[in-house]
Amino acid sequence: MTRDITIAGRVIGPDHSPYFIAELSGNHKGELARAFRIMDAAKEAGADAVKLQTYTADTITIDHDGPGFFLKEGLWAGRTLHDLYREAHTPWEWHGPIFDYAARIGIPVFSSPFDSTAVDLLEKLGAPAFKIASFEIIDLPLVRDAARLGKPVILSTGMASLGEIGEALSVVREAGAPALLLHCTSGYPTPPEECDLRTIAHLSEAFDVAVGLSDHTLGIGVPVAAVALGATVIEKHFTLSRAEGGVDADFSLEPQEFAAMVQACKTAFAAVGQVDYRIKPSEASGLNSRRSLYVVEDVKGGETLTERNVRSIRPGFGLLPKYLPEIVGRIAARDLKKGEPLAWSMVAS
């Protein structure tokens, strides 16, 4: 089973450069023009795709302030779910213009649907993939509804047990859709020490699937480390300016930070390479600077070679240093000059 998937013509997998998703989320602050500016900036910063979230406050929750509906801690403490999602949502009437604008500037856009009506809307707009958010991975009917269309389904795994991840992935595969997992810790923001990036390789081996990272840490260090550990996708929230606010601004990257992350992750991917003990082109000339055995004092033919007149030094044109014990005590076959690299022909048999 291949671990590669393809989104809008771009192959994503372990042997390909990381795929970067800029999460727009609610950082548009209710302004379509700002959403367009974010998309421009994301493309300029090196994003391979822009991702939306497709819901309304009423499709994702209900207007209620009872237990569970009122947030008492965290970044959004003091708000109800309905109030938060009413501010954060991307209006459905914006989706068409956003998809059109993405096509115009040449960057793919897809979304996280949160109910079947969202799946239908995104399908009509030609979304090339679907992303199931961490909080929705246990909603198997929603996963099935997205997967039935046969397009790539990206499953974010925050808070999910290994069994729950397996159930959702099985639903996608049973529908015949390509799948990819995003390791995720659903803390906003996430402390780096809670990321447990070694899970990326374990997920990939456990389910024979490509695995990326949906990251909510501050900065770019964790994504770079994730790529070094095998992440094929990096998803980060994106904003024009944290100082200007927005529901997700606190854990979003600004354009110059996203661009720095892209370059650093690409460097990490290039550096990982493969298991290879061959001499690299950049180090080939260094072979001449390794240590070897040299005559360090003039020696008359017939005299004994000692640790005083033969030493292991740089450069590397003489015998290997490992032969020094065999050389000491032997007889010079001819007159030897200081600075000559030692060769077997210079030692009497």
C-alpha atoms as a PDB file:
ATOM      1  CA  MET A   1       0.000   0.000   0.000  1.00  0.00           C
ATOM      2  CA  THR A   2       1.495   3.343  -1.047  1.00  0.00           C
ATOM      3  CA  ARG A   3       1.577   6.058   1.561  1.00  0.00           C
ATOM      4  CA  ASP A   4       1.471   8.858  -1.018  1.00  0.00           C
ATOM      5  CA  ILE A   5      -1.598  10.942  -1.717  1.00  0.00           C
ATOM      6  CA  THR A   6      -2.108  13.679  -4.305  1.00  0.00           C
ATOM      7  CA  ILE A   7      -3.889  16.990  -3.744  1.00  0.00           C
ATOM      8  CA  ALA A   8      -4.428  19.264  -6.753  1.00  0.00           C
ATOM      9  CA  GLY A   9      -1.577  17.573  -8.617  1.00  0.00           C
ATOM     10  CA  ARG A  10       0.923  17.770  -5.752  1.00  0.00           C
ATOM     11  CA  VAL A  11       2.197  14.405  -4.496  1.00  0.00           C
ATOM     12  CA  ILE A  12       2.476  14.205  -0.711  1.00  0.00           C
ATOM     13  CA  GLY A  13       4.421  11.444   0.988  1.00  0.00           C
ATOM     14  CA  PRO A  14       7.590  10.398   2.806  1.00  0.00           C
ATOM     15  CA  ASP A  15       9.849  10.838  -0.227  1.00  0.00           C
ATOM     16  CA  HIS A  16       8.533  14.269  -1.171  1.00  0.00           C
ATOM     17  CA  SER A  17       9.248  17.727   0.191  1.00  0.00           C
ATOM     18  CA  PRO A  18       6.821  18.688   2.996  1.00  0.00           C
ATOM     19  CA  TYR A  19       3.402  20.038   2.086  1.00  0.00           C
ATOM     20  CA  PHE A  20       2.529  23.302   3.857  1.00  0.00           C
ATOM     21  CA  ILE A  21      -1.048  24.213   4.741  1.00  0.00           C
ATOM     22  CA  ALA A  22      -1.906  27.731   5.896  1.00  0.00           C
ATOM     23  CA  GLU A  23      -4.997  27.561   8.106  1.00  0.00           C
ATOM     24  CA  LEU A  24      -7.130  30.665   7.578  1.00  0.00           C
ATOM     25  CA  SER A  25      -9.691  29.785  10.253  1.00  0.00           C
ATOM     26  CA  GLY A  26     -11.246  32.889  11.839  1.00  0.00           C
ATOM     27  CA  ASN A  27      -8.270  35.183  11.292  1.00  0.00           C
ATOM     28  CA  HIS A  28     -10.172  36.961   8.522  1.00  0.00           C
ATOM     29  CA  LYS A  29     -11.941  38.838  11.357  1.00  0.00           C
ATOM     30  CA  GLY A  30     -15.174  38.936   9.418  1.00  0.00           C
ATOM     31  CA  GLU A  31     -13.693  40.705   6.376  1.00  0.00           C
ATOM     32  CA  LEU A  32     -13.645  38.934   3.008  1.00  0.00           C
ATOM     33  CA  ALA A  33     -11.027  41.370   1.709  1.00  0.00           C
ATOM     34  CA  ARG A  34      -8.798  40.405   4.652  1.00  0.00           C
ATOM     35  CA  ALA A  35      -9.288  36.742   3.780  1.00  0.00           C
ATOM     36  CA  PHE A  36      -8.014  37.513   0.281  1.00  0.00           C
ATOM     37  CA  ARG A  37      -4.978  39.342   1.695  1.00  0.00           C
ATOM     38  CA  ILE A  38      -4.210  36.376   3.930  1.00  0.00           C
ATOM     39  CA  MET A  39      -4.354  34.062   0.918  1.00  0.00           C
ATOM     40  CA  ASP A  40      -1.983  36.319  -1.024  1.00  0.00           C
ATOM     41  CA  ALA A  41       0.425  36.412   1.889  1.00  0.00           C
ATOM     42  CA  ALA A  42       0.228  32.643   2.417  1.00  0.00           C
ATOM     43  CA  LYS A  43       1.096  31.950  -1.196  1.00  0.00           C
ATOM     44  CA  GLU A  44       3.968  34.424  -1.051  1.00  0.00           C
ATOM     45  CA  ALA A  45       5.242  32.765   2.144  1.00  0.00           C
ATOM     46  CA  GLY A  46       5.416  29.361   0.466  1.00  0.00           C
ATOM     47  CA  ALA A  47       2.155  27.684   1.465  1.00  0.00           C
ATOM     48  CA  ASP A  48       1.071  24.839  -0.809  1.00  0.00           C
ATOM     49  CA  ALA A  49      -2.587  25.250   0.158  1.00  0.00           C
ATOM     50  CA  VAL A  50      -4.958  27.385   2.179  1.00  0.00           C
ATOM     51  CA  LYS A  51      -7.485  25.692   4.423  1.00  0.00           C
ATOM     52  CA  LEU A  52     -10.832  26.955   5.641  1.00  0.00           C
ATOM     53  CA  GLN A  53     -13.332  25.703   8.194  1.00  0.00           C
ATOM     54  CA  THR A  54     -16.873  25.290   6.900  1.00  0.00           C
ATOM     55  CA  TYR A  55     -19.591  25.595   9.528  1.00  0.00           C
ATOM     56  CA  THR A  56     -22.014  28.022  11.035  1.00  0.00           C
ATOM     57  CA  ALA A  57     -22.578  28.532  14.728  1.00  0.00           C
ATOM     58  CA  ASP A  58     -25.851  26.634  14.383  1.00  0.00           C
ATOM     59  CA  THR A  59     -24.381  23.658  12.490  1.00  0.00           C
ATOM     60  CA  ILE A  60     -21.582  23.113  14.994  1.00  0.00           C
ATOM     61  CA  THR A  61     -23.425  23.804  18.268  1.00  0.00           C
ATOM     62  CA  ILE A  62     -26.559  25.436  19.704  1.00  0.00           C
ATOM     63  CA  ASP A  63     -27.112  28.826  21.289  1.00  0.00           C
ATOM     64  CA  HIS A  64     -26.970  27.829  24.945  1.00  0.00           C
ATOM     65  CA  ASP A  65     -25.009  28.919  28.003  1.00  0.00           C
ATOM     66  CA  GLY A  66     -25.517  25.864  30.172  1.00  0.00           C
ATOM     67  CA  PRO A  67     -22.838  23.438  31.378  1.00  0.00           C
ATOM     68  CA  GLY A  68     -20.417  22.555  28.625  1.00  0.00           C
ATOM     69  CA  PHE A  69     -21.572  25.385  26.382  1.00  0.00           C
ATOM     70  CA  PHE A  70     -19.842  28.119  28.398  1.00  0.00           C
ATOM     71  CA  LEU A  71     -16.042  28.176  28.283  1.00  0.00           C
ATOM     72  CA  LYS A  72     -14.485  28.682  31.694  1.00  0.00           C
ATOM     73  CA  GLU A  73     -10.772  28.379  30.877  1.00  0.00           C
ATOM     74  CA  GLY A  74      -8.258  28.668  28.082  1.00  0.00           C
ATOM     75  CA  LEU A  75      -7.828  31.208  25.323  1.00  0.00           C
ATOM     76  CA  TRP A  76     -11.570  31.734  24.887  1.00  0.00           C
ATOM     77  CA  ALA A  77     -12.677  31.707  28.541  1.00  0.00           C
ATOM     78  CA  GLY A  78     -15.832  33.662  29.262  1.00  0.00           C
ATOM     79  CA  ARG A  79     -17.543  32.951  25.937  1.00  0.00           C
ATOM     80  CA  THR A  80     -20.186  30.498  24.863  1.00  0.00           C
ATOM     81  CA  LEU A  81     -19.440  28.074  22.058  1.00  0.00           C
ATOM     82  CA  HIS A  82     -22.141  29.640  19.927  1.00  0.00           C
ATOM     83  CA  ASP A  83     -20.749  33.128  20.392  1.00  0.00           C
ATOM     84  CA  LEU A  84     -17.214  32.000  19.602  1.00  0.00           C
ATOM     85  CA  TYR A  85     -18.197  30.103  16.468  1.00  0.00           C
ATOM     86  CA  ARG A  86     -20.437  32.922  15.281  1.00  0.00           C
ATOM     87  CA  GLU A  87     -17.370  35.192  15.304  1.00  0.00           C
ATOM     88  CA  ALA A  88     -14.917  32.636  13.943  1.00  0.00           C
ATOM     89  CA  HIS A  89     -16.901  31.070  11.114  1.00  0.00           C
ATOM     90  CA  THR A  90     -16.272  31.765   7.460  1.00  0.00           C
ATOM     91  CA  PRO A  91     -19.644  32.755   5.969  1.00  0.00           C
ATOM     92  CA  TRP A  92     -20.902  30.256   3.441  1.00  0.00           C
ATOM     93  CA  GLU A  93     -21.519  32.995   0.904  1.00  0.00           C
ATOM     94  CA  TRP A  94     -17.784  33.728   1.014  1.00  0.00           C
ATOM     95  CA  HIS A  95     -16.782  30.234  -0.036  1.00  0.00           C
ATOM     96  CA  GLY A  96     -17.470  30.728  -3.730  1.00  0.00           C
ATOM     97  CA  PRO A  97     -15.466  33.963  -3.943  1.00  0.00           C
ATOM     98  CA  ILE A  98     -12.647  32.421  -1.881  1.00  0.00           C
ATOM     99  CA  PHE A  99     -12.415  29.402  -4.184  1.00  0.00           C
ATOM    100  CA  ASP A 100     -12.504  31.704  -7.217  1.00  0.00           C
ATOM    101  CA  TYR A 101      -9.786  33.908  -5.772  1.00  0.00           C
ATOM    102  CA  ALA A 102      -7.627  30.895  -4.951  1.00  0.00           C
ATOM    103  CA  ALA A 103      -7.871  29.732  -8.552  1.00  0.00           C
ATOM    104  CA  ARG A 104      -6.975  33.208  -9.751  1.00  0.00           C
ATOM    105  CA  ILE A 105      -3.795  33.460  -7.673  1.00  0.00           C
ATOM    106  CA  GLY A 106      -2.862  29.802  -8.171  1.00  0.00           C
ATOM    107  CA  ILE A 107      -3.112  28.173  -4.759  1.00  0.00           C
ATOM    108  CA  PRO A 108      -5.368  25.217  -3.865  1.00  0.00           C
ATOM    109  CA  VAL A 109      -7.970  25.732  -1.167  1.00  0.00           C
ATOM    110  CA  PHE A 110      -9.902  23.106   0.755  1.00  0.00           C
ATOM    111  CA  SER A 111     -11.692  22.965   4.063  1.00  0.00           C
ATOM    112  CA  SER A 112     -12.755  21.139   7.187  1.00  0.00           C
ATOM    113  CA  PRO A 113     -16.485  20.367   6.903  1.00  0.00           C
ATOM    114  CA  PHE A 114     -18.406  20.018  10.140  1.00  0.00           C
ATOM    115  CA  ASP A 115     -21.624  18.492   8.833  1.00  0.00           C
ATOM    116  CA  SER A 116     -23.041  16.953   5.664  1.00  0.00           C
ATOM    117  CA  THR A 117     -24.290  20.269   4.283  1.00  0.00           C
ATOM    118  CA  ALA A 118     -20.732  21.581   4.471  1.00  0.00           C
ATOM    119  CA  VAL A 119     -19.484  18.505   2.602  1.00  0.00           C
ATOM    120  CA  ASP A 120     -22.045  19.146  -0.125  1.00  0.00           C
ATOM    121  CA  LEU A 121     -21.083  22.811  -0.425  1.00  0.00           C
ATOM    122  CA  LEU A 122     -17.387  22.022  -0.695  1.00  0.00           C
ATOM    123  CA  GLU A 123     -18.017  19.302  -3.250  1.00  0.00           C
ATOM    124  CA  LYS A 124     -19.981  21.755  -5.416  1.00  0.00           C
ATOM    125  CA  LEU A 125     -17.076  24.178  -5.235  1.00  0.00           C
ATOM    126  CA  GLY A 126     -14.609  21.509  -6.359  1.00  0.00           C
ATOM    127  CA  ALA A 127     -12.575  21.186  -3.164  1.00  0.00           C
ATOM    128  CA  PRO A 128      -9.632  18.859  -3.952  1.00  0.00           C
ATOM    129  CA  ALA A 129      -9.567  17.327  -0.456  1.00  0.00           C
ATOM    130  CA  PHE A 130     -11.319  17.273   2.912  1.00  0.00           C
ATOM    131  CA  LYS A 131      -9.813  17.773   6.333  1.00  0.00           C
ATOM    132  CA  ILE A 132     -11.522  16.248   9.373  1.00  0.00           C
ATOM    133  CA  ALA A 133     -10.731  18.313  12.462  1.00  0.00           C
ATOM    134  CA  SER A 134      -9.476  16.632  15.638  1.00  0.00           C
ATOM    135  CA  PHE A 135     -12.701  17.270  17.530  1.00  0.00           C
ATOM    136  CA  GLU A 136     -14.675  15.593  14.717  1.00  0.00           C
ATOM    137  CA  ILE A 137     -12.567  12.452  14.181  1.00  0.00           C
ATOM    138  CA  ILE A 138     -14.989  10.478  16.375  1.00  0.00           C
ATOM    139  CA  ASP A 139     -17.946  11.576  14.192  1.00  0.00           C
ATOM    140  CA  LEU A 140     -17.728   8.564  11.899  1.00  0.00           C
ATOM    141  CA  PRO A 141     -20.858   9.450   9.896  1.00  0.00           C
ATOM    142  CA  LEU A 142     -19.216  12.791   9.027  1.00  0.00           C
ATOM    143  CA  VAL A 143     -15.962  11.034   8.122  1.00  0.00           C
ATOM    144  CA  ARG A 144     -17.891   8.599   5.938  1.00  0.00           C
ATOM    145  CA  ASP A 145     -19.796  11.428   4.257  1.00  0.00           C
ATOM    146  CA  ALA A 146     -16.570  13.149   3.261  1.00  0.00           C
ATOM    147  CA  ALA A 147     -14.825   9.935   2.223  1.00  0.00           C
ATOM    148  CA  ARG A 148     -17.685   8.765  -0.032  1.00  0.00           C
ATOM    149  CA  LEU A 149     -16.595  11.328  -2.626  1.00  0.00           C
ATOM    150  CA  GLY A 150     -13.278   9.547  -3.127  1.00  0.00           C
ATOM    151  CA  LYS A 151     -11.116  12.614  -2.599  1.00  0.00           C
ATOM    152  CA  PRO A 152      -8.180  12.653  -0.170  1.00  0.00           C
ATOM    153  CA  VAL A 153      -9.266  12.822   3.465  1.00  0.00           C
ATOM    154  CA  ILE A 154      -6.867  14.271   6.019  1.00  0.00           C
ATOM    155  CA  LEU A 155      -7.620  13.201   9.579  1.00  0.00           C
ATOM    156  CA  SER A 156      -6.322  15.288  12.459  1.00  0.00           C
ATOM    157  CA  THR A 157      -5.745  13.142  15.531  1.00  0.00           C
ATOM    158  CA  GLY A 158      -5.763  15.499  18.511  1.00  0.00           C
ATOM    159  CA  MET A 159      -7.250  13.842  21.654  1.00  0.00           C
ATOM    160  CA  ALA A 160      -7.947  10.620  19.732  1.00  0.00           C
ATOM    161  CA  SER A 161      -6.899   7.223  21.026  1.00  0.00           C
ATOM    162  CA  LEU A 162      -5.113   4.781  18.761  1.00  0.00           C
ATOM    163  CA  GLY A 163      -8.368   2.850  18.471  1.00  0.00           C
ATOM    164  CA  GLU A 164     -10.369   5.940  17.508  1.00  0.00           C
ATOM    165  CA  ILE A 165      -7.778   6.848  14.884  1.00  0.00           C
ATOM    166  CA  GLY A 166      -7.985   3.334  13.492  1.00  0.00           C
ATOM    167  CA  GLU A 167     -11.781   3.452  13.316  1.00  0.00           C
ATOM    168  CA  ALA A 168     -11.811   6.742  11.394  1.00  0.00           C
ATOM    169  CA  LEU A 169      -9.061   5.600   9.050  1.00  0.00           C
ATOM    170  CA  SER A 170     -10.934   2.368   8.353  1.00  0.00           C
ATOM    171  CA  VAL A 171     -14.023   4.355   7.389  1.00  0.00           C
ATOM    172  CA  VAL A 172     -11.992   6.383   4.895  1.00  0.00           C
ATOM    173  CA  ARG A 173     -10.350   3.325   3.412  1.00  0.00           C
ATOM    174  CA  GLU A 174     -13.594   1.377   3.190  1.00  0.00           C
ATOM    175  CA  ALA A 175     -14.964   4.245   1.088  1.00  0.00           C
ATOM    176  CA  GLY A 176     -11.954   3.976  -1.221  1.00  0.00           C
ATOM    177  CA  ALA A 177     -10.619   7.467  -0.474  1.00  0.00           C
ATOM    178  CA  PRO A 178      -6.912   8.259  -0.050  1.00  0.00           C
ATOM    179  CA  ALA A 179      -6.038   9.038   3.574  1.00  0.00           C
ATOM    180  CA  LEU A 180      -3.432  10.967   5.501  1.00  0.00           C
ATOM    181  CA  LEU A 181      -3.092  11.501   9.249  1.00  0.00           C
ATOM    182  CA  LEU A 182      -1.983  14.650  11.033  1.00  0.00           C
ATOM    183  CA  HIS A 183      -0.484  14.104  14.455  1.00  0.00           C
ATOM    184  CA  CYS A 184      -1.927  16.840  16.647  1.00  0.00           C
ATOM    185  CA  THR A 185      -2.129  18.045  20.217  1.00  0.00           C
ATOM    186  CA  SER A 186      -5.302  20.078  20.624  1.00  0.00           C
ATOM    187  CA  GLY A 187      -3.970  22.646  23.048  1.00  0.00           C
ATOM    188  CA  TYR A 188      -4.335  26.311  22.109  1.00  0.00           C
ATOM    189  CA  PRO A 189      -1.470  27.038  22.268  1.00  0.00           C
ATOM    190  CA  THR A 190       0.314  23.692  22.716  1.00  0.00           C
ATOM    191  CA  PRO A 191       3.383  23.470  24.973  1.00  0.00           C
ATOM    192  CA  PRO A 192       6.208  21.908  22.934  1.00  0.00           C
ATOM    193  CA  GLU A 193       6.813  19.271  25.606  1.00  0.00           C
ATOM    194  CA  GLU A 194       3.307  17.932  24.964  1.00  0.00           C
ATOM    195  CA  CYS A 195       3.885  17.343  21.240  1.00  0.00           C
ATOM    196  CA  ASP A 196       5.472  13.870  21.491  1.00  0.00           C
ATOM    197  CA  LEU A 197       6.658  13.978  17.902  1.00  0.00           C
ATOM    198  CA  ARG A 198       7.936  10.398  17.983  1.00  0.00           C
ATOM    199  CA  THR A 199       4.260   9.494  17.598  1.00  0.00           C
ATOM    200  CA  ILE A 200       4.532  10.496  13.924  1.00  0.00           C
ATOM    201  CA  ALA A 201       6.680   7.495  13.021  1.00  0.00           C
ATOM    202  CA  HIS A 202       4.570   5.183  15.192  1.00  0.00           C
ATOM    203  CA  LEU A 203       1.342   6.244  13.459  1.00  0.00           C
ATOM    204  CA  SER A 204       2.926   5.799  10.053  1.00  0.00           C
ATOM    205  CA  GLU A 205       4.073   2.272  10.849  1.00  0.00           C
ATOM    206  CA  ALA A 206       0.917   1.290  12.735  1.00  0.00           C
ATOM    207  CA  PHE A 207      -1.417   2.246   9.901  1.00  0.00           C
ATOM    208  CA  ASP A 208       0.886   2.236   6.833  1.00  0.00           C
ATOM    209  CA  VAL A 209      -0.049   5.823   6.065  1.00  0.00           C
ATOM    210  CA  ALA A 210       1.675   9.146   5.496  1.00  0.00           C
ATOM    211  CA  VAL A 211       1.610  11.318   8.606  1.00  0.00           C
ATOM    212  CA  GLY A 212       2.022  15.052   9.044  1.00  0.00           C
ATOM    213  CA  LEU A 213       1.633  17.560  11.856  1.00  0.00           C
ATOM    214  CA  SER A 214      -1.160  19.956  12.694  1.00  0.00           C
ATOM    215  CA  ASP A 215       0.689  22.306  14.994  1.00  0.00           C
ATOM    216  CA  HIS A 216      -0.564  24.805  17.572  1.00  0.00           C
ATOM    217  CA  THR A 217       2.736  25.601  19.282  1.00  0.00           C
ATOM    218  CA  LEU A 218       4.237  29.060  19.184  1.00  0.00           C
ATOM    219  CA  GLY A 219       7.043  29.531  16.684  1.00  0.00           C
ATOM    220  CA  ILE A 220       8.550  27.190  14.118  1.00  0.00           C
ATOM    221  CA  GLY A 221      10.844  24.860  16.065  1.00  0.00           C
ATOM    222  CA  VAL A 222       8.324  22.056  16.486  1.00  0.00           C
ATOM    223  CA  PRO A 223       7.401  21.845  12.760  1.00  0.00           C
ATOM    224  CA  VAL A 224      11.087  21.674  11.817  1.00  0.00           C
ATOM    225  CA  ALA A 225      11.644  18.869  14.314  1.00  0.00           C
ATOM    226  CA  ALA A 226       8.536  17.097  12.987  1.00  0.00           C
ATOM    227  CA  VAL A 227       9.876  17.105   9.430  1.00  0.00           C
ATOM    228  CA  ALA A 228      13.155  15.658  10.699  1.00  0.00           C
ATOM    229  CA  LEU A 229      11.086  12.881  12.288  1.00  0.00           C
ATOM    230  CA  GLY A 230       9.142  12.126   9.106  1.00  0.00           C
ATOM    231  CA  ALA A 231       6.227  14.569   8.927  1.00  0.00           C
ATOM    232  CA  THR A 232       4.975  14.888   5.353  1.00  0.00           C
ATOM    233  CA  VAL A 233       2.594  17.803   5.978  1.00  0.00           C
ATOM    234  CA  ILE A 234       2.825  20.866   8.198  1.00  0.00           C
ATOM    235  CA  GLU A 235      -0.387  22.726   8.990  1.00  0.00           C
ATOM    236  CA  LYS A 236      -0.149  26.033  10.862  1.00  0.00           C
ATOM    237  CA  HIS A 237      -2.655  28.797  11.532  1.00  0.00           C
ATOM    238  CA  PHE A 238      -1.783  31.903   9.536  1.00  0.00           C
ATOM    239  CA  THR A 239      -2.459  35.578  10.158  1.00  0.00           C
ATOM    240  CA  LEU A 240      -1.310  38.869   8.755  1.00  0.00           C
ATOM    241  CA  SER A 241      -0.564  40.234  12.212  1.00  0.00           C
ATOM    242  CA  ARG A 242      -1.036  38.792  15.694  1.00  0.00           C
ATOM    243  CA  ALA A 243      -1.187  42.328  17.051  1.00  0.00           C
ATOM    244  CA  GLU A 244      -4.352  42.976  15.051  1.00  0.00           C
ATOM    245  CA  GLY A 245      -6.115  40.150  16.877  1.00  0.00           C
ATOM    246  CA  GLY A 246      -8.460  37.439  15.689  1.00  0.00           C
ATOM    247  CA  VAL A 247      -9.826  34.346  17.416  1.00  0.00           C
ATOM    248  CA  ASP A 248      -6.771  32.232  16.499  1.00  0.00           C
ATOM    249  CA  ALA A 249      -4.178  34.992  16.238  1.00  0.00           C
ATOM    250  CA  ASP A 250      -2.328  34.083  19.439  1.00  0.00           C
ATOM    251  CA  PHE A 251      -1.058  30.776  18.025  1.00  0.00           C
ATOM    252  CA  SER A 252      -0.840  31.790  14.353  1.00  0.00           C
ATOM    253  CA  LEU A 253       2.258  32.564  12.321  1.00  0.00           C
ATOM    254  CA  GLU A 254       2.767  35.870  10.577  1.00  0.00           C
ATOM    255  CA  PRO A 255       3.889  35.819   6.930  1.00  0.00           C
ATOM    256  CA  GLN A 256       7.632  36.215   7.561  1.00  0.00           C
ATOM    257  CA  GLU A 257       7.495  33.501  10.227  1.00  0.00           C
ATOM    258  CA  PHE A 258       5.628  31.110   7.953  1.00  0.00           C
ATOM    259  CA  ALA A 259       8.173  31.751   5.194  1.00  0.00           C
ATOM    260  CA  ALA A 260      11.015  31.042   7.629  1.00  0.00           C
ATOM    261  CA  MET A 261       9.284  27.828   8.692  1.00  0.00           C
ATOM    262  CA  VAL A 262       8.900  26.671   5.093  1.00  0.00           C
ATOM    263  CA  GLN A 263      12.582  27.199   4.367  1.00  0.00           C
ATOM    264  CA  ALA A 264      13.728  25.618   7.626  1.00  0.00           C
ATOM    265  CA  CYS A 265      11.493  22.588   7.106  1.00  0.00           C
ATOM    266  CA  LYS A 266      12.729  22.138   3.557  1.00  0.00           C
ATOM    267  CA  THR A 267      16.282  22.266   4.866  1.00  0.00           C
ATOM    268  CA  ALA A 268      15.413  19.673   7.502  1.00  0.00           C
ATOM    269  CA  PHE A 269      13.851  17.416   4.866  1.00  0.00           C
ATOM    270  CA  ALA A 270      16.925  17.717   2.643  1.00  0.00           C
ATOM    271  CA  ALA A 271      19.202  17.007   5.598  1.00  0.00           C
ATOM    272  CA  VAL A 272      17.382  13.822   6.652  1.00  0.00           C
ATOM    273  CA  GLY A 273      18.263  12.118   3.370  1.00  0.00           C
ATOM    274  CA  GLN A 274      18.901   8.395   3.607  1.00  0.00           C
ATOM    275  CA  VAL A 275      21.265   5.921   5.245  1.00  0.00           C
ATOM    276  CA  ASP A 276      24.484   6.404   3.290  1.00  0.00           C
ATOM    277  CA  TYR A 277      28.137   5.963   4.307  1.00  0.00           C
ATOM    278  CA  ARG A 278      29.648   6.996   0.999  1.00  0.00           C
ATOM    279  CA  ILE A 279      32.002   9.955   0.785  1.00  0.00           C
ATOM    280  CA  LYS A 280      29.931  13.047  -0.008  1.00  0.00           C
ATOM    281  CA  PRO A 281      31.061  15.482  -2.721  1.00  0.00           C
ATOM    282  CA  SER A 282      31.514  18.267  -0.162  1.00  0.00           C
ATOM    283  CA  GLU A 283      33.898  16.149   1.922  1.00  0.00           C
ATOM    284  CA  ALA A 284      35.867  14.406  -0.839  1.00  0.00           C
ATOM    285  CA  SER A 285      38.752  16.863  -0.665  1.00  0.00           C
ATOM    286  CA  GLY A 286      38.919  16.302   3.086  1.00  0.00           C
ATOM    287  CA  LEU A 287      40.266  12.796   2.538  1.00  0.00           C
ATOM    288  CA  ASN A 288      43.645  14.374   1.859  1.00  0.00           C
ATOM    289  CA  SER A 289      43.577  16.019   5.280  1.00  0.00           C
ATOM    290  CA  ARG A 290      43.065  12.864   7.310  1.00  0.00           C
ATOM    291  CA  ARG A 291      45.978  11.534   9.342  1.00  0.00           C
ATOM    292  CA  SER A 292      48.554   9.168   7.893  1.00  0.00           C
ATOM    293  CA  LEU A 293      52.114   7.968   8.566  1.00  0.00           C
ATOM    294  CA  TYR A 294      54.931  10.352   7.664  1.00  0.00           C
ATOM    295  CA  VAL A 295      58.673  10.430   8.040  1.00  0.00           C
ATOM    296  CA  VAL A 296      59.262  13.277  10.511  1.00  0.00           C
ATOM    297  CA  GLU A 297      63.077  13.012  10.785  1.00  0.00           C
ATOM    298  CA  ASP A 298      65.657  12.062   8.166  1.00  0.00           C
ATOM    299  CA  VAL A 299      66.381   8.312   8.286  1.00  0.00           C
ATOM    300  CA  LYS A 300      69.370   6.549   6.685  1.00  0.00           C
ATOM    301  CA  GLY A 301      68.761   3.354   4.775  1.00  0.00           C
ATOM    302  CA  GLY A 302      69.190   0.413   7.139  1.00  0.00           C
ATOM    303  CA  GLU A 303      68.262   2.430  10.246  1.00  0.00           C
ATOM    304  CA  THR A 304      65.378   1.430  12.493  1.00  0.00           C
ATOM    305  CA  LEU A 305      62.020   3.126  12.194  1.00  0.00           C
ATOM    306  CA  THR A 306      60.784   4.435  15.544  1.00  0.00           C
ATOM    307  CA  GLU A 307      57.911   6.429  16.965  1.00  0.00           C
ATOM    308  CA  ARG A 308      60.275   9.396  16.921  1.00  0.00           C
ATOM    309  CA  ASN A 309      61.052   9.362  13.196  1.00  0.00           C
ATOM    310  CA  VAL A 310      57.666   8.082  11.993  1.00  0.00           C
ATOM    311  CA  ARG A 311      54.416   9.621  13.249  1.00  0.00           C
ATOM    312  CA  SER A 312      50.734   9.844  12.492  1.00  0.00           C
ATOM    313  CA  ILE A 313      50.117  13.391  11.245  1.00  0.00           C
ATOM    314  CA  ARG A 314      48.146  15.297   8.667  1.00  0.00           C
ATOM    315  CA  PRO A 315      47.923  15.186   5.599  1.00  0.00           C
ATOM    316  CA  GLY A 316      46.674  11.820   4.447  1.00  0.00           C
ATOM    317  CA  PHE A 317      48.980  10.631   1.671  1.00  0.00           C
ATOM    318  CA  GLY A 318      50.884   8.021   3.694  1.00  0.00           C
ATOM    319  CA  LEU A 319      49.988   4.650   5.147  1.00  0.00           C
ATOM    320  CA  LEU A 320      47.014   4.486   7.476  1.00  0.00           C
ATOM    321  CA  PRO A 321      47.846   5.177  11.138  1.00  0.00           C
ATOM    322  CA  LYS A 322      46.665   1.692  12.115  1.00  0.00           C
ATOM    323  CA  TYR A 323      49.897   0.303  10.596  1.00  0.00           C
ATOM    324  CA  LEU A 324      52.184   2.212  12.983  1.00  0.00           C
ATOM    325  CA  PRO A 325      52.656  -0.777  15.360  1.00  0.00           C
ATOM    326  CA  GLU A 326      53.778  -2.868  12.368  1.00  0.00           C
ATOM    327  CA  ILE A 327      56.177  -0.163  11.165  1.00  0.00           C
ATOM    328  CA  VAL A 328      57.977   0.553  14.453  1.00  0.00           C
ATOM    329  CA  GLY A 329      61.079  -1.622  14.747  1.00  0.00           C
ATOM    330  CA  ARG A 330      61.327  -2.306  11.006  1.00  0.00           C
ATOM    331  CA  ILE A 331      64.282  -1.165   8.850  1.00  0.00           C
ATOM    332  CA  ALA A 332      64.266   1.664   6.321  1.00  0.00           C
ATOM    333  CA  ALA A 333      64.732   0.230   2.829  1.00  0.00           C
ATOM    334  CA  ARG A 334      66.472   3.442   1.650  1.00  0.00           C
ATOM    335  CA  ASP A 335      67.311   6.906   2.806  1.00  0.00           C
ATOM    336  CA  LEU A 336      64.105   8.620   3.911  1.00  0.00           C
ATOM    337  CA  LYS A 337      63.619  12.372   4.006  1.00  0.00           C
ATOM    338  CA  LYS A 338      61.639  14.324   6.572  1.00  0.00           C
ATOM    339  CA  GLY A 339      58.168  15.082   5.161  1.00  0.00           C
ATOM    340  CA  GLU A 340      57.911  11.973   2.965  1.00  0.00           C
ATOM    341  CA  PRO A 341      54.614  10.060   3.224  1.00  0.00           C
ATOM    342  CA  LEU A 342      55.449   6.547   4.307  1.00  0.00           C
ATOM    343  CA  ALA A 343      54.776   3.679   1.884  1.00  0.00           C
ATOM    344  CA  TRP A 344      55.382  -0.047   2.215  1.00  0.00           C
ATOM    345  CA  SER A 345      58.121   0.170  -0.409  1.00  0.00           C
ATOM    346  CA  MET A 346      60.120   2.313   2.013  1.00  0.00           C
ATOM    347  CA  VAL A 347      60.202  -0.468   4.623  1.00  0.00           C
ATOM    348  CA  ALA A 348      62.514  -3.449   4.331  1.00  0.00           C
ATOM    349  CA  SER A 349      60.684  -6.739   4.197  1.00  0.00           C
END
